Amino acid sequence: MSEPKIFTQEQLDRIAANKAKALQRLSEKRKAAETPIAPKKAKWVKTFYEYDLTTLVDSKGGFIIDETDGNKEFNEEKKRSYIIEPYYPPSLEAHENPKCKECQSMDLDPIFFNVFHIFLCATCRDKYPEKYSLITKTEAKEDYLLTDPELKDPELLPHWSKPNPHKSSWNDMMLYVREMVEEYAFKKWNGSEGLDAEYERREIQKKDKKDKKFKEKLADLRRRTMTSSWERKRQEGPHKHQFGPTKEDDNGNSIQKCDSCGLVIESEEF
C-alpha cells in the first residue's frame, strides 16, 4: 500500500478553503430544498399536535416517551458521523493533486480517501474486488483469525462504521478493506501458509473439544442408566424364584429351573 502524499501548509490551507466553500454551497442548497411553503389554514381545521415519530422512544412498558435533549444530541452527532464528505481536488494544478494508485486518475473515491487513506478511484475499486472489496468484522475474524482489540484499533486497521442493516439498535457494522486486513494477517501469521496452518490447528482443536464433550455426555448417560437400573431393582426388593415343573436329567436326577433368572436346583420327591 503506497504512503499518502505529504502536503505543504499552503496546500492544506487551500484544501480547507475549497472544502469550506463547497460545504457552504451544499448547506444553502439543502436549506432551500427543505424550506416548506406555508399553506393557508382552513377555518374548519382544528388545532393539532404534530410529533416526529423518529424521535420517540419505546419504553417497553406500554408507553411511548419523547426523546430527551441529551439523547437527541447524541443521535444527531451519531448521524453526522456516518456522513462521508465528498472528495474535492485540493489544488487547481493537476500535477499537485493525489492520483489513483492503480490508474493515476484524479477522481478519487471519497470513502477510500477519507476513511482508509487510500488513493483509489471508483473504477479501480470495482475492477479489483480481490483487493479493495469491503469485508465485515465477522469475516475478518473468521477468515483471517484476527481479534476484537486488533479490529477496533484504527491505527492498525482503519474501518468504516455504518448503521447495522439488520436492526438499528444493534452495534454499528464495521467494514474493512480486504487488502489491508490480508496484509496485516499475513504479517501476524507469517504468510498465507502460517494462516492456513493456524486455521487447521484451530479446527483440530475444535473437533477434539467436540469429541471430548460427546464422550462426557455419553459417559453421563451410561451412569444415569446404571443408576436408574439399580434403583429399579432396589425398589422391586429381593428376587423371588419362580420354578417351573420338575424334570429329569440324563443322570436320573429331578431338577427345577427358575423361569426368570435361570437358576437350576435338584429336587427330591418323597
C-alpha atoms as a PDB file:
ATOM      1  CA  MET A   1       0.000   0.000   0.000  1.00  0.00           C
ATOM      2  CA  SER A   2       1.519   3.343  -1.073  1.00  0.00           C
ATOM      3  CA  GLU A   3       2.209   6.017   1.538  1.00  0.00           C
ATOM      4  CA  PRO A   4      -0.066   9.136   1.432  1.00  0.00           C
ATOM      5  CA  LYS A   5       1.453  12.260  -0.041  1.00  0.00           C
ATOM      6  CA  ILE A   6       2.554  14.902   2.476  1.00  0.00           C
ATOM      7  CA  PHE A   7       1.091  18.315   1.616  1.00  0.00           C
ATOM      8  CA  THR A   8       2.604  21.692   2.347  1.00  0.00           C
ATOM      9  CA  GLN A   9       0.871  24.179   4.662  1.00  0.00           C
ATOM     10  CA  GLU A  10      -0.178  26.281   1.683  1.00  0.00           C
ATOM     11  CA  GLN A  11      -1.790  23.255   0.029  1.00  0.00           C
ATOM     12  CA  LEU A  12      -3.551  22.314   3.254  1.00  0.00           C
ATOM     13  CA  ASP A  13      -4.938  25.857   3.602  1.00  0.00           C
ATOM     14  CA  ARG A  14      -6.159  25.735   0.019  1.00  0.00           C
ATOM     15  CA  ILE A  15      -7.829  22.336   0.628  1.00  0.00           C
ATOM     16  CA  ALA A  16      -9.589  23.677   3.718  1.00  0.00           C
ATOM     17  CA  ALA A  17     -10.801  26.789   1.885  1.00  0.00           C
ATOM     18  CA  ASN A  18     -12.149  24.793  -1.081  1.00  0.00           C
ATOM     19  CA  LYS A  19     -13.872  22.356   1.242  1.00  0.00           C
ATOM     20  CA  ALA A  20     -15.455  25.168   3.280  1.00  0.00           C
ATOM     21  CA  LYS A  21     -16.821  26.806   0.127  1.00  0.00           C
ATOM     22  CA  ALA A  22     -18.237  23.512  -1.131  1.00  0.00           C
ATOM     23  CA  LEU A  23     -19.887  22.753   2.203  1.00  0.00           C
ATOM     24  CA  GLN A  24     -21.391  26.251   2.307  1.00  0.00           C
ATOM     25  CA  ARG A  25     -22.908  25.791  -1.163  1.00  0.00           C
ATOM     26  CA  LEU A  26     -24.238  22.374  -0.177  1.00  0.00           C
ATOM     27  CA  SER A  27     -25.772  23.788   3.025  1.00  0.00           C
ATOM     28  CA  GLU A  28     -27.519  26.580   1.105  1.00  0.00           C
ATOM     29  CA  LYS A  29     -28.979  24.076  -1.386  1.00  0.00           C
ATOM     30  CA  ARG A  30     -30.267  21.879   1.434  1.00  0.00           C
ATOM     31  CA  LYS A  31     -31.889  24.816   3.235  1.00  0.00           C
ATOM     32  CA  ALA A  32     -33.584  25.936   0.028  1.00  0.00           C
ATOM     33  CA  ALA A  33     -34.895  22.419  -0.627  1.00  0.00           C
ATOM     34  CA  GLU A  34     -36.115  21.915   2.946  1.00  0.00           C
ATOM     35  CA  THR A  35     -37.940  25.273   3.286  1.00  0.00           C
ATOM     36  CA  PRO A  36     -41.666  24.394   3.204  1.00  0.00           C
ATOM     37  CA  ILE A  37     -44.343  26.506   1.585  1.00  0.00           C
ATOM     38  CA  ALA A  38     -46.784  27.577   4.313  1.00  0.00           C
ATOM     39  CA  PRO A  39     -50.327  26.539   3.291  1.00  0.00           C
ATOM     40  CA  LYS A  40     -53.404  28.543   4.168  1.00  0.00           C
ATOM     41  CA  LYS A  41     -55.252  27.154   7.157  1.00  0.00           C
ATOM     42  CA  ALA A  42     -58.900  26.309   6.562  1.00  0.00           C
ATOM     43  CA  LYS A  43     -61.441  27.574   9.064  1.00  0.00           C
ATOM     44  CA  TRP A  44     -62.701  24.088   9.847  1.00  0.00           C
ATOM     45  CA  VAL A  45     -59.223  22.739  10.656  1.00  0.00           C
ATOM     46  CA  LYS A  46     -58.764  22.369  14.401  1.00  0.00           C
ATOM     47  CA  THR A  47     -55.521  22.730  16.298  1.00  0.00           C
ATOM     48  CA  PHE A  48     -53.489  19.518  16.436  1.00  0.00           C
ATOM     49  CA  TYR A  49     -50.078  18.431  17.701  1.00  0.00           C
ATOM     50  CA  GLU A  50     -47.509  17.044  15.314  1.00  0.00           C
ATOM     51  CA  TYR A  51     -44.942  14.515  16.557  1.00  0.00           C
ATOM     52  CA  ASP A  52     -41.763  13.359  14.879  1.00  0.00           C
ATOM     53  CA  LEU A  53     -42.091   9.601  15.264  1.00  0.00           C
ATOM     54  CA  THR A  54     -38.357   9.126  14.669  1.00  0.00           C
ATOM     55  CA  THR A  55     -37.596  10.894  17.945  1.00  0.00           C
ATOM     56  CA  LEU A  56     -39.952   8.822  20.114  1.00  0.00           C
ATOM     57  CA  VAL A  57     -38.624   6.067  22.366  1.00  0.00           C
ATOM     58  CA  ASP A  58     -40.459   2.828  23.151  1.00  0.00           C
ATOM     59  CA  SER A  59     -40.146   2.280  26.920  1.00  0.00           C
ATOM     60  CA  LYS A  60     -41.282  -1.384  26.565  1.00  0.00           C
ATOM     61  CA  GLY A  61     -43.856  -0.678  29.301  1.00  0.00           C
ATOM     62  CA  GLY A  62     -46.829   0.284  27.157  1.00  0.00           C
ATOM     63  CA  PHE A  63     -45.810   3.941  26.861  1.00  0.00           C
ATOM     64  CA  ILE A  64     -44.030   5.962  24.202  1.00  0.00           C
ATOM     65  CA  ILE A  65     -41.973   8.794  25.625  1.00  0.00           C
ATOM     66  CA  ASP A  66     -40.369  11.777  23.982  1.00  0.00           C
ATOM     67  CA  GLU A  67     -36.646  11.701  23.450  1.00  0.00           C
ATOM     68  CA  THR A  68     -34.572  13.691  25.918  1.00  0.00           C
ATOM     69  CA  ASP A  69     -32.354  16.532  24.761  1.00  0.00           C
ATOM     70  CA  GLY A  70     -29.237  14.554  25.661  1.00  0.00           C
ATOM     71  CA  ASN A  71     -30.269  11.523  23.627  1.00  0.00           C
ATOM     72  CA  LYS A  72     -31.351  13.738  20.741  1.00  0.00           C
ATOM     73  CA  GLU A  73     -27.974  15.459  20.619  1.00  0.00           C
ATOM     74  CA  PHE A  74     -26.223  12.107  20.821  1.00  0.00           C
ATOM     75  CA  ASN A  75     -28.276  10.668  17.962  1.00  0.00           C
ATOM     76  CA  GLU A  76     -27.711  13.747  15.813  1.00  0.00           C
ATOM     77  CA  GLU A  77     -23.974  13.501  16.431  1.00  0.00           C
ATOM     78  CA  LYS A  78     -24.080   9.801  15.554  1.00  0.00           C
ATOM     79  CA  LYS A  79     -25.933  10.518  12.299  1.00  0.00           C
ATOM     80  CA  ARG A  80     -23.343  13.135  11.363  1.00  0.00           C
ATOM     81  CA  SER A  81     -20.549  10.637  11.990  1.00  0.00           C
ATOM     82  CA  TYR A  82     -21.963   8.400   9.209  1.00  0.00           C
ATOM     83  CA  ILE A  83     -21.723  11.151   6.584  1.00  0.00           C
ATOM     84  CA  ILE A  84     -18.680  10.942   4.325  1.00  0.00           C
ATOM     85  CA  GLU A  85     -17.603  14.276   2.912  1.00  0.00           C
ATOM     86  CA  PRO A  86     -17.257  14.406  -0.879  1.00  0.00           C
ATOM     87  CA  TYR A  87     -13.779  14.466  -2.339  1.00  0.00           C
ATOM     88  CA  TYR A  88     -12.531  17.734  -3.846  1.00  0.00           C
ATOM     89  CA  PRO A  89      -9.132  18.023  -5.527  1.00  0.00           C
ATOM     90  CA  PRO A  90      -7.002  20.094  -3.152  1.00  0.00           C
ATOM     91  CA  SER A  91      -5.250  22.063  -5.875  1.00  0.00           C
ATOM     92  CA  LEU A  92      -6.156  23.727  -9.139  1.00  0.00           C
ATOM     93  CA  GLU A  93      -2.888  22.426 -10.543  1.00  0.00           C
ATOM     94  CA  ALA A  94      -3.413  18.872 -11.817  1.00  0.00           C
ATOM     95  CA  HIS A  95       0.145  17.722 -11.097  1.00  0.00           C
ATOM     96  CA  GLU A  96      -0.216  18.659  -7.413  1.00  0.00           C
ATOM     97  CA  ASN A  97      -3.319  16.542  -6.747  1.00  0.00           C
ATOM     98  CA  PRO A  98      -3.171  12.922  -5.492  1.00  0.00           C
ATOM     99  CA  LYS A  99      -3.837  10.242  -8.093  1.00  0.00           C
ATOM    100  CA  CYS A 100      -5.306   6.742  -8.058  1.00  0.00           C
ATOM    101  CA  LYS A 101      -2.664   4.178  -7.144  1.00  0.00           C
ATOM    102  CA  GLU A 102      -3.851   1.872  -9.955  1.00  0.00           C
ATOM    103  CA  CYS A 103      -4.679   4.101 -12.952  1.00  0.00           C
ATOM    104  CA  GLN A 104      -3.430   7.586 -11.952  1.00  0.00           C
ATOM    105  CA  SER A 105      -6.942   9.049 -12.167  1.00  0.00           C
ATOM    106  CA  MET A 106      -7.625  12.176 -10.070  1.00  0.00           C
ATOM    107  CA  ASP A 107     -11.295  11.250  -9.480  1.00  0.00           C
ATOM    108  CA  LEU A 108     -10.734   9.546  -6.128  1.00  0.00           C
ATOM    109  CA  ASP A 109     -13.304   7.613  -4.120  1.00  0.00           C
ATOM    110  CA  PRO A 110     -14.256   9.727  -1.052  1.00  0.00           C
ATOM    111  CA  ILE A 111     -14.662   6.734   1.287  1.00  0.00           C
ATOM    112  CA  PHE A 112     -11.250   5.288   0.496  1.00  0.00           C
ATOM    113  CA  PHE A 113      -9.684   8.741   0.666  1.00  0.00           C
ATOM    114  CA  ASN A 114     -11.288   9.984   3.914  1.00  0.00           C
ATOM    115  CA  VAL A 115     -11.712   6.733   5.845  1.00  0.00           C
ATOM    116  CA  PHE A 116      -8.980   4.359   4.699  1.00  0.00           C
ATOM    117  CA  HIS A 117      -6.474   6.990   3.450  1.00  0.00           C
ATOM    118  CA  ILE A 118      -6.030   5.156   0.149  1.00  0.00           C
ATOM    119  CA  PHE A 119      -5.786   6.966  -3.186  1.00  0.00           C
ATOM    120  CA  LEU A 120      -8.195   4.927  -5.309  1.00  0.00           C
ATOM    121  CA  CYS A 121     -10.868   5.757  -7.887  1.00  0.00           C
ATOM    122  CA  ALA A 122     -14.303   4.121  -8.021  1.00  0.00           C
ATOM    123  CA  THR A 123     -13.489   2.351 -11.301  1.00  0.00           C
ATOM    124  CA  CYS A 124     -10.444   0.563  -9.894  1.00  0.00           C
ATOM    125  CA  ARG A 125     -12.322  -0.178  -6.680  1.00  0.00           C
ATOM    126  CA  ASP A 126     -14.848  -2.212  -8.683  1.00  0.00           C
ATOM    127  CA  LYS A 127     -12.229  -3.588 -11.075  1.00  0.00           C
ATOM    128  CA  TYR A 128     -10.118  -5.246  -8.339  1.00  0.00           C
ATOM    129  CA  PRO A 129     -12.577  -6.722  -5.795  1.00  0.00           C
ATOM    130  CA  GLU A 130      -9.973  -9.245  -4.615  1.00  0.00           C
ATOM    131  CA  LYS A 131      -8.004  -6.293  -3.230  1.00  0.00           C
ATOM    132  CA  TYR A 132     -10.455  -3.476  -2.493  1.00  0.00           C
ATOM    133  CA  SER A 133     -13.748  -5.164  -1.584  1.00  0.00           C
ATOM    134  CA  LEU A 134     -15.080  -4.294   1.872  1.00  0.00           C
ATOM    135  CA  ILE A 135     -15.455  -7.119   4.392  1.00  0.00           C
ATOM    136  CA  THR A 136     -17.262  -7.162   7.724  1.00  0.00           C
ATOM    137  CA  LYS A 137     -15.728  -7.552  11.158  1.00  0.00           C
ATOM    138  CA  THR A 138     -17.080 -11.106  11.387  1.00  0.00           C
ATOM    139  CA  GLU A 139     -15.428 -12.066   8.087  1.00  0.00           C
ATOM    140  CA  ALA A 140     -12.125 -10.566   9.236  1.00  0.00           C
ATOM    141  CA  LYS A 141     -12.272 -12.612  12.465  1.00  0.00           C
ATOM    142  CA  GLU A 142     -13.278 -15.900  10.843  1.00  0.00           C
ATOM    143  CA  ASP A 143     -11.247 -15.758   7.602  1.00  0.00           C
ATOM    144  CA  TYR A 144      -8.097 -14.054   8.883  1.00  0.00           C
ATOM    145  CA  LEU A 145      -8.208 -15.064  12.592  1.00  0.00           C
ATOM    146  CA  LEU A 146      -7.949 -11.531  13.955  1.00  0.00           C
ATOM    147  CA  THR A 147      -9.081 -10.468  17.425  1.00  0.00           C
ATOM    148  CA  ASP A 148     -11.530  -7.797  18.578  1.00  0.00           C
ATOM    149  CA  PRO A 149      -8.811  -5.487  20.006  1.00  0.00           C
ATOM    150  CA  GLU A 150      -6.931  -5.614  16.692  1.00  0.00           C
ATOM    151  CA  LEU A 151     -10.031  -4.827  14.649  1.00  0.00           C
ATOM    152  CA  LYS A 152     -11.094  -1.993  16.955  1.00  0.00           C
ATOM    153  CA  ASP A 153      -7.702  -0.253  16.750  1.00  0.00           C
ATOM    154  CA  PRO A 154      -7.939   2.376  13.952  1.00  0.00           C
ATOM    155  CA  GLU A 155      -4.164   2.734  13.917  1.00  0.00           C
ATOM    156  CA  LEU A 156      -3.755  -0.918  12.929  1.00  0.00           C
ATOM    157  CA  LEU A 157      -6.810  -1.296  10.702  1.00  0.00           C
ATOM    158  CA  PRO A 158      -8.975   1.714   9.763  1.00  0.00           C
ATOM    159  CA  HIS A 159     -12.635   0.828   9.421  1.00  0.00           C
ATOM    160  CA  TRP A 160     -15.827   2.423   8.140  1.00  0.00           C
ATOM    161  CA  SER A 161     -18.755   2.390  10.596  1.00  0.00           C
ATOM    162  CA  LYS A 162     -22.267   2.141   9.161  1.00  0.00           C
ATOM    163  CA  PRO A 163     -25.707   1.635  10.756  1.00  0.00           C
ATOM    164  CA  ASN A 164     -26.477  -2.047  11.198  1.00  0.00           C
ATOM    165  CA  PRO A 165     -28.734  -3.093   8.267  1.00  0.00           C
ATOM    166  CA  HIS A 166     -30.484  -5.797  10.327  1.00  0.00           C
ATOM    167  CA  LYS A 167     -31.523  -3.735  13.357  1.00  0.00           C
ATOM    168  CA  SER A 168     -30.878  -0.082  14.129  1.00  0.00           C
ATOM    169  CA  SER A 169     -30.423  -0.707  17.871  1.00  0.00           C
ATOM    170  CA  TRP A 170     -27.565  -3.157  17.298  1.00  0.00           C
ATOM    171  CA  ASN A 171     -23.920  -2.117  17.188  1.00  0.00           C
ATOM    172  CA  ASP A 172     -22.660  -0.411  14.040  1.00  0.00           C
ATOM    173  CA  MET A 173     -21.457  -2.548  11.162  1.00  0.00           C
ATOM    174  CA  MET A 174     -17.679  -2.200  10.778  1.00  0.00           C
ATOM    175  CA  LEU A 175     -16.228  -2.551   7.258  1.00  0.00           C
ATOM    176  CA  TYR A 176     -12.570  -3.121   6.320  1.00  0.00           C
ATOM    177  CA  VAL A 177     -10.563  -3.152   3.098  1.00  0.00           C
ATOM    178  CA  ARG A 178      -9.671  -6.756   2.234  1.00  0.00           C
ATOM    179  CA  GLU A 179      -6.145  -5.878   1.100  1.00  0.00           C
ATOM    180  CA  MET A 180      -5.342  -4.126   4.399  1.00  0.00           C
ATOM    181  CA  VAL A 181      -6.759  -6.955   6.520  1.00  0.00           C
ATOM    182  CA  GLU A 182      -4.944  -9.598   4.491  1.00  0.00           C
ATOM    183  CA  GLU A 183      -1.655  -7.720   4.674  1.00  0.00           C
ATOM    184  CA  TYR A 184      -1.901  -7.429   8.459  1.00  0.00           C
ATOM    185  CA  ALA A 185      -2.985 -11.085   8.881  1.00  0.00           C
ATOM    186  CA  PHE A 186      -0.084 -12.378   6.759  1.00  0.00           C
ATOM    187  CA  LYS A 187       2.307 -10.300   8.856  1.00  0.00           C
ATOM    188  CA  LYS A 188       0.792 -11.712  12.058  1.00  0.00           C
ATOM    189  CA  TRP A 189       0.750 -15.385  10.970  1.00  0.00           C
ATOM    190  CA  ASN A 190       3.944 -15.357   8.846  1.00  0.00           C
ATOM    191  CA  GLY A 191       2.307 -15.525   5.428  1.00  0.00           C
ATOM    192  CA  SER A 192      -0.578 -17.433   3.910  1.00  0.00           C
ATOM    193  CA  GLU A 193       0.972 -20.801   4.874  1.00  0.00           C
ATOM    194  CA  GLY A 194       1.119 -19.763   8.521  1.00  0.00           C
ATOM    195  CA  LEU A 195      -2.501 -18.580   8.382  1.00  0.00           C
ATOM    196  CA  ASP A 196      -3.616 -21.909   6.872  1.00  0.00           C
ATOM    197  CA  ALA A 197      -1.639 -23.846   9.497  1.00  0.00           C
ATOM    198  CA  GLU A 198      -3.223 -21.865  12.342  1.00  0.00           C
ATOM    199  CA  TYR A 199      -6.670 -22.402  10.832  1.00  0.00           C
ATOM    200  CA  GLU A 200      -6.084 -26.178  10.639  1.00  0.00           C
ATOM    201  CA  ARG A 201      -4.790 -26.224  14.218  1.00  0.00           C
ATOM    202  CA  ARG A 202      -7.914 -24.475  15.473  1.00  0.00           C
ATOM    203  CA  GLU A 203     -10.181 -26.803  13.502  1.00  0.00           C
ATOM    204  CA  ILE A 204      -8.473 -29.856  15.042  1.00  0.00           C
ATOM    205  CA  GLN A 205      -8.711 -28.274  18.485  1.00  0.00           C
ATOM    206  CA  LYS A 206     -12.397 -27.561  17.912  1.00  0.00           C
ATOM    207  CA  LYS A 207     -13.013 -31.170  16.771  1.00  0.00           C
ATOM    208  CA  ASP A 208     -11.153 -32.611  19.787  1.00  0.00           C
ATOM    209  CA  LYS A 209     -13.176 -30.420  22.113  1.00  0.00           C
ATOM    210  CA  LYS A 210     -16.411 -31.535  20.443  1.00  0.00           C
ATOM    211  CA  ASP A 211     -15.430 -35.232  20.688  1.00  0.00           C
ATOM    212  CA  LYS A 212     -14.486 -34.827  24.348  1.00  0.00           C
ATOM    213  CA  LYS A 213     -17.821 -33.206  25.106  1.00  0.00           C
ATOM    214  CA  PHE A 214     -19.654 -36.019  23.295  1.00  0.00           C
ATOM    215  CA  LYS A 215     -17.779 -38.687  25.292  1.00  0.00           C
ATOM    216  CA  GLU A 216     -18.561 -36.897  28.547  1.00  0.00           C
ATOM    217  CA  LYS A 217     -22.258 -36.803  27.665  1.00  0.00           C
ATOM    218  CA  LEU A 218     -22.184 -40.497  26.707  1.00  0.00           C
ATOM    219  CA  ALA A 219     -20.473 -41.451  29.988  1.00  0.00           C
ATOM    220  CA  ASP A 220     -23.002 -39.389  31.936  1.00  0.00           C
ATOM    221  CA  LEU A 221     -25.850 -41.133  30.097  1.00  0.00           C
ATOM    222  CA  ARG A 222     -24.398 -44.556  30.983  1.00  0.00           C
ATOM    223  CA  ARG A 223     -24.047 -43.569  34.644  1.00  0.00           C
ATOM    224  CA  ARG A 224     -27.630 -42.375  34.789  1.00  0.00           C
ATOM    225  CA  THR A 225     -28.836 -45.569  33.048  1.00  0.00           C
ATOM    226  CA  MET A 226     -26.962 -47.792  35.507  1.00  0.00           C
ATOM    227  CA  THR A 227     -28.229 -45.762  38.448  1.00  0.00           C
ATOM    228  CA  SER A 228     -31.838 -45.959  37.267  1.00  0.00           C
ATOM    229  CA  SER A 229     -31.486 -49.734  36.690  1.00  0.00           C
ATOM    230  CA  TRP A 230     -30.042 -50.245  40.172  1.00  0.00           C
ATOM    231  CA  GLU A 231     -32.748 -48.056  41.685  1.00  0.00           C
ATOM    232  CA  ARG A 232     -35.436 -50.053  39.895  1.00  0.00           C
ATOM    233  CA  LYS A 233     -34.046 -53.325  41.229  1.00  0.00           C
ATOM    234  CA  ARG A 234     -33.780 -51.861  44.733  1.00  0.00           C
ATOM    235  CA  GLN A 235     -37.417 -50.791  44.657  1.00  0.00           C
ATOM    236  CA  GLU A 236     -38.526 -54.210  43.424  1.00  0.00           C
ATOM    237  CA  GLY A 237     -36.984 -55.872  46.506  1.00  0.00           C
ATOM    238  CA  PRO A 238     -35.240 -59.320  46.764  1.00  0.00           C
ATOM    239  CA  HIS A 239     -35.610 -61.659  43.821  1.00  0.00           C
ATOM    240  CA  LYS A 240     -38.204 -64.392  44.165  1.00  0.00           C
ATOM    241  CA  HIS A 241     -37.620 -67.574  42.179  1.00  0.00           C
ATOM    242  CA  GLN A 242     -40.397 -68.956  40.070  1.00  0.00           C
ATOM    243  CA  PHE A 243     -39.545 -72.590  39.376  1.00  0.00           C
ATOM    244  CA  GLY A 244     -41.078 -74.479  36.540  1.00  0.00           C
ATOM    245  CA  PRO A 245     -42.208 -78.106  36.579  1.00  0.00           C
ATOM    246  CA  THR A 246     -39.806 -80.815  37.767  1.00  0.00           C
ATOM    247  CA  LYS A 247     -37.807 -82.564  35.034  1.00  0.00           C
ATOM    248  CA  GLU A 248     -35.399 -85.448  34.997  1.00  0.00           C
ATOM    249  CA  ASP A 249     -31.861 -85.019  33.660  1.00  0.00           C
ATOM    250  CA  ASP A 250     -29.648 -87.595  31.946  1.00  0.00           C
ATOM    251  CA  ASN A 251     -28.423 -88.932  35.290  1.00  0.00           C
ATOM    252  CA  GLY A 252     -31.914 -89.519  36.566  1.00  0.00           C
ATOM    253  CA  ASN A 253     -31.907 -86.566  38.946  1.00  0.00           C
ATOM    254  CA  SER A 254     -35.022 -84.428  39.335  1.00  0.00           C
ATOM    255  CA  ILE A 255     -34.286 -80.755  38.564  1.00  0.00           C
ATOM    256  CA  GLN A 256     -36.173 -77.463  38.584  1.00  0.00           C
ATOM    257  CA  LYS A 257     -35.264 -74.232  36.748  1.00  0.00           C
ATOM    258  CA  CYS A 258     -36.235 -70.651  37.658  1.00  0.00           C
ATOM    259  CA  ASP A 259     -38.099 -69.117  34.756  1.00  0.00           C
ATOM    260  CA  SER A 260     -36.809 -65.571  35.424  1.00  0.00           C
ATOM    261  CA  CYS A 261     -33.119 -65.942  36.424  1.00  0.00           C
ATOM    262  CA  GLY A 262     -32.311 -69.450  35.118  1.00  0.00           C
ATOM    263  CA  LEU A 263     -31.218 -70.937  38.484  1.00  0.00           C
ATOM    264  CA  VAL A 264     -31.247 -74.784  38.396  1.00  0.00           C
ATOM    265  CA  ILE A 265     -31.724 -76.904  41.563  1.00  0.00           C
ATOM    266  CA  GLU A 266     -32.059 -80.595  42.220  1.00  0.00           C
ATOM    267  CA  SER A 267     -35.235 -81.658  43.913  1.00  0.00           C
ATOM    268  CA  GLU A 268     -36.262 -84.812  45.633  1.00  0.00           C
ATOM    269  CA  GLU A 269     -39.720 -86.279  45.681  1.00  0.00           C
ATOM    270  CA  PHE A 270     -40.883 -88.037  48.818  1.00  0.00           C
END
